[in-house]
Amino acid sequence: MDKRRAIVVGNSDGIGLAVTRRLLDDGWTVAGLSRSSSPLTSSGYEHHRTDVTDAGYREVLAGALDTLGGVEACVYAAGIGDFFAVDDLAAQTRALEVNLVGAARTMEVVVPSMARAGAGHVVGLSSLADVAPSAEAPGYAAGKAGLSSYLLGLGGALRSHGVRVSVVRFGFVDTKMAKARVKPMMLSVDQAADVVLDCLRTRAAVVSRPRRMAALARTAGVLLNVRARR
């Protein structure tokens, strides 16, 4: 049986790195793309240094896809977020570029190849912060809200083409992204990787973890949206 092939974007550390390791352990052939070098050394792994906001990103991604000869799975794990500072709104713009536009650029390259093959699975790592505006990190919350909405819509559009799309919504995970002072119900990186790997098996459209925090986020989101409109 041919090896399964995957692309993981944003995998030099954190959840993306853990997912890549797990895929390699399970016998996948993987191409990783990130703006930093990778600690991974494996005969089944090839790394490409690139930033999802670079003009040449799509070309690098297309080259990785061609080298693999197509993929069965693509995991978009790239993500950034900074607290609001009135004299640095560029940081909020970059969060939108990485968390949302970078994912859309990835879909431009990967999805047509999957659709031609009539099979494939895209997984995007979003956040429970996608339910409401955030005064602390507006670019992060808006980018994740856009990512969740875009991927859910894309999933509906691609179902007839044999391509599945999943959104994995996390609360706090023990990575450099967890910058809040209080981090309730925080997952370990390995626990987060378990969730992603399970999603690759089940192909669920939406996965939210931890479940209890997801329920709390929904309630808080309703209240914050009402307050924002007022």
Protein backbone atom coordinates (compact mmCIF):
# COMPACT_ATOMS: atom_id res chain seq x y z
CA MET A 1 0.00 0.00 0.00
CA ASP A 2 1.32 3.48 -0.92
CA LYS A 3 2.26 5.77 1.92
CA ARG A 4 -0.21 8.44 2.86
CA ARG A 5 1.04 11.96 2.18
CA ALA A 6 0.41 15.17 4.09
CA ILE A 7 1.38 18.82 4.16
CA VAL A 8 1.55 20.59 7.53
CA VAL A 9 1.82 24.38 7.45
CA GLY A 10 3.22 26.04 10.58
CA ASN A 11 5.05 23.07 12.05
CA SER A 12 8.41 24.19 13.42
CA ASP A 13 7.01 24.10 16.97
CA GLY A 14 3.82 23.72 19.00
CA ILE A 15 0.85 21.74 17.76
CA GLY A 16 2.06 21.65 14.16
CA LEU A 17 5.35 20.03 15.18
CA ALA A 18 3.60 17.50 17.41
CA VAL A 19 1.15 16.60 14.65
CA THR A 20 3.99 16.17 12.15
CA ARG A 21 5.84 13.84 14.50
CA ARG A 22 2.72 11.76 15.01
CA LEU A 23 2.06 11.50 11.27
CA LEU A 24 5.63 10.38 10.63
CA ASP A 25 5.36 7.80 13.43
CA ASP A 26 2.19 6.51 11.76
CA GLY A 27 3.99 6.03 8.45
CA TRP A 28 2.94 9.17 6.58
CA THR A 29 5.22 11.03 4.17
CA VAL A 30 5.12 14.69 5.22
CA ALA A 31 6.17 18.05 3.82
CA GLY A 32 6.34 20.82 6.39
CA LEU A 33 6.29 24.55 5.74
CA SER A 34 7.15 27.21 8.31
CA ARG A 35 9.13 30.40 8.66
CA SER A 36 11.63 28.69 10.98
CA SER A 37 13.84 25.66 10.53
CA SER A 38 12.61 22.27 11.73
CA PRO A 39 14.14 19.99 14.36
CA LEU A 40 12.83 16.95 12.49
CA THR A 41 15.11 14.56 10.62
CA SER A 42 13.34 11.70 8.90
CA SER A 43 13.55 9.95 5.55
CA GLY A 44 9.83 10.58 5.19
CA TYR A 45 10.03 14.31 5.89
CA GLU A 46 10.99 17.38 3.85
CA HIS A 47 11.00 20.89 5.26
CA HIS A 48 10.51 24.18 3.43
CA ARG A 49 11.26 27.53 5.07
CA THR A 50 8.71 30.12 4.00
CA ASP A 51 6.30 32.60 5.52
CA VAL A 52 2.61 32.34 4.60
CA THR A 53 2.59 36.11 4.08
CA ASP A 54 5.48 36.05 1.56
CA ALA A 55 4.75 36.77 -2.10
CA GLY A 56 6.42 33.48 -3.06
CA TYR A 57 4.58 31.31 -0.52
CA ARG A 58 2.18 29.76 -3.01
CA GLU A 59 5.04 28.78 -5.31
CA VAL A 60 6.92 27.09 -2.45
CA LEU A 61 3.75 25.26 -1.42
CA ALA A 62 3.03 24.19 -5.01
CA GLY A 63 6.57 22.83 -5.29
CA ALA A 64 6.16 20.80 -2.11
CA LEU A 65 2.84 19.47 -3.38
CA ASP A 66 4.35 18.48 -6.73
CA THR A 67 7.27 16.72 -5.03
CA LEU A 68 4.86 14.65 -2.96
CA GLY A 69 2.73 13.88 -6.00
CA GLY A 70 -0.43 15.09 -4.27
CA VAL A 71 -1.60 14.74 -0.68
CA GLU A 72 -4.35 13.02 1.24
CA ALA A 73 -4.27 15.58 4.06
CA CYS A 74 -3.31 19.19 4.69
CA VAL A 75 -3.14 20.63 8.21
CA TYR A 76 -3.01 24.43 8.53
CA ALA A 77 -1.45 25.05 11.94
CA ALA A 78 0.09 28.48 11.34
CA GLY A 79 -1.15 31.11 13.74
CA ILE A 80 -0.04 34.22 15.61
CA GLY A 81 -1.60 36.67 18.04
CA ASP A 82 -0.49 39.75 19.94
CA PHE A 83 -2.22 41.88 22.54
CA PHE A 84 -3.62 45.18 21.33
CA ALA A 85 -1.34 48.21 21.35
CA VAL A 86 -2.67 51.45 19.88
CA ASP A 87 0.72 52.34 18.39
CA ASP A 88 1.18 48.92 16.76
CA LEU A 89 -1.96 48.09 14.80
CA ALA A 90 0.29 46.42 12.22
CA ALA A 91 0.52 43.47 14.65
CA GLN A 92 -3.26 43.04 14.42
CA THR A 93 -3.09 43.23 10.63
CA ARG A 94 -0.41 40.55 10.55
CA ALA A 95 -2.56 38.28 12.73
CA LEU A 96 -5.31 38.56 10.10
CA GLU A 97 -2.81 37.86 7.32
CA VAL A 98 -1.42 34.72 8.98
CA ASN A 99 -4.52 33.29 10.64
CA LEU A 100 -6.97 33.88 7.78
CA VAL A 101 -5.38 35.03 4.52
CA GLY A 102 -2.50 32.55 4.81
CA ALA A 103 -4.99 29.73 5.19
CA ALA A 104 -6.94 30.94 2.16
CA ARG A 105 -3.73 31.07 0.10
CA THR A 106 -2.98 27.51 1.19
CA MET A 107 -6.41 26.38 0.01
CA GLU A 108 -5.78 28.02 -3.39
CA VAL A 109 -2.92 25.59 -3.99
CA VAL A 110 -3.96 22.42 -2.17
CA VAL A 111 -7.71 22.18 -2.77
CA PRO A 112 -7.73 22.05 -6.61
CA SER A 113 -5.27 19.13 -6.50
CA MET A 114 -7.49 17.27 -4.03
CA ALA A 115 -10.61 18.03 -6.07
CA ARG A 116 -8.98 16.63 -9.22
CA ALA A 117 -8.14 13.46 -7.30
CA GLY A 118 -11.68 13.31 -5.89
CA ALA A 119 -10.36 12.87 -2.36
CA GLY A 120 -8.55 14.68 0.42
CA HIS A 121 -8.94 16.23 3.83
CA VAL A 122 -8.12 19.75 4.99
CA VAL A 123 -7.86 20.52 8.71
CA GLY A 124 -7.55 24.09 9.97
CA LEU A 125 -6.59 24.88 13.56
CA SER A 126 -8.89 27.63 14.82
CA SER A 127 -9.81 28.82 18.30
CA LEU A 128 -12.70 29.03 20.72
CA ALA A 129 -12.00 32.77 20.48
CA ASP A 130 -13.83 32.71 17.12
CA VAL A 131 -17.21 33.27 18.81
CA ALA A 132 -16.85 36.92 19.83
CA PRO A 133 -14.93 40.16 19.27
CA SER A 134 -11.90 40.66 21.49
CA ALA A 135 -10.67 44.02 22.78
CA GLU A 136 -7.45 42.37 23.99
CA ALA A 137 -6.47 40.76 20.67
CA PRO A 138 -8.89 41.92 17.95
CA GLY A 139 -6.80 40.68 15.04
CA TYR A 140 -6.43 37.20 16.51
CA ALA A 141 -10.13 36.76 17.30
CA ALA A 142 -11.24 38.17 13.94
CA GLY A 143 -8.75 36.02 12.05
CA LYS A 144 -9.90 32.85 13.80
CA ALA A 145 -13.57 33.78 13.31
CA GLY A 146 -12.90 34.27 9.63
CA LEU A 147 -10.94 31.02 9.42
CA SER A 148 -13.73 29.00 11.02
CA SER A 149 -16.38 30.58 8.82
CA TYR A 150 -14.34 30.19 5.63
CA LEU A 151 -13.46 26.56 6.21
CA LEU A 152 -17.02 25.60 7.17
CA GLY A 153 -18.31 27.22 3.99
CA LEU A 154 -15.55 25.63 1.94
CA GLY A 155 -16.42 22.25 3.38
CA GLY A 156 -19.97 22.55 2.13
CA ALA A 157 -18.77 23.64 -1.31
CA LEU A 158 -16.27 20.78 -1.62
CA ARG A 159 -18.38 17.89 -0.35
CA SER A 160 -19.52 16.95 -3.85
CA HIS A 161 -15.87 16.94 -4.98
CA GLY A 162 -14.90 14.29 -2.45
CA VAL A 163 -12.87 16.69 -0.30
CA ARG A 164 -13.57 17.00 3.41
CA VAL A 165 -12.80 20.10 5.48
CA SER A 166 -12.53 20.21 9.27
CA VAL A 167 -12.20 23.05 11.78
CA VAL A 168 -10.51 22.21 15.08
CA ARG A 169 -11.26 24.87 17.70
CA PHE A 170 -8.96 24.92 20.70
CA GLY A 171 -9.04 26.80 23.96
CA PHE A 172 -5.69 27.28 25.71
CA VAL A 173 -2.87 24.98 24.62
CA ASP A 174 0.54 24.99 26.31
CA THR A 175 2.46 26.73 23.50
CA LYS A 176 4.03 30.16 23.00
CA MET A 177 0.61 31.32 21.74
CA ALA A 178 -0.90 31.02 25.23
CA LYS A 179 -0.14 34.57 26.39
CA ALA A 180 -3.08 35.24 28.71
CA ARG A 181 -2.39 35.61 32.43
CA VAL A 182 -5.13 33.10 33.28
CA LYS A 183 -5.30 29.91 31.20
CA PRO A 184 -8.14 27.68 32.42
CA MET A 185 -8.47 24.07 31.24
CA MET A 186 -5.21 24.32 29.28
CA LEU A 187 -4.37 21.32 27.09
CA SER A 188 -0.88 19.96 26.59
CA VAL A 189 0.60 19.96 23.10
CA ASP A 190 0.34 16.16 23.02
CA GLN A 191 -3.34 16.32 23.96
CA ALA A 192 -3.94 18.83 21.17
CA ALA A 193 -2.11 16.60 18.70
CA ASP A 194 -4.33 13.69 19.77
CA VAL A 195 -7.38 15.81 18.89
CA VAL A 196 -6.02 16.64 15.44
CA LEU A 197 -5.07 13.04 14.66
CA ASP A 198 -8.50 11.88 15.78
CA CYS A 199 -10.06 14.49 13.50
CA LEU A 200 -8.05 13.12 10.58
CA ARG A 201 -9.57 9.73 11.32
CA THR A 202 -13.18 10.79 11.90
CA ARG A 203 -13.29 13.71 9.42
CA ALA A 204 -15.69 15.61 11.67
CA ALA A 205 -16.61 19.03 10.29
CA VAL A 206 -16.08 20.80 13.64
CA VAL A 207 -14.17 19.68 16.72
CA SER A 208 -14.07 21.91 19.82
CA ARG A 209 -11.82 21.18 22.81
CA PRO A 210 -12.04 21.29 25.75
CA ARG A 211 -15.78 20.64 25.47
CA ARG A 212 -16.63 22.43 28.71
CA MET A 213 -14.72 25.54 27.67
CA ALA A 214 -16.44 25.43 24.27
CA ALA A 215 -19.81 25.58 26.00
CA LEU A 216 -18.67 28.48 28.18
CA ALA A 217 -17.26 30.28 25.13
CA ARG A 218 -20.58 30.00 23.30
CA THR A 219 -22.42 31.59 26.22
CA ALA A 220 -19.81 34.31 26.65
CA GLY A 221 -19.83 34.92 22.91
CA VAL A 222 -23.56 35.58 22.86
CA LEU A 223 -23.26 38.07 25.72
CA LEU A 224 -20.24 39.84 24.22
CA ASN A 225 -21.88 40.11 20.82
CA VAL A 226 -24.97 41.67 22.36
CA ARG A 227 -22.79 44.11 24.33
CA ALA A 228 -20.73 45.00 21.23
CA ARG A 229 -23.85 45.77 19.20
CA ARG A 230 -25.10 48.09 21.95
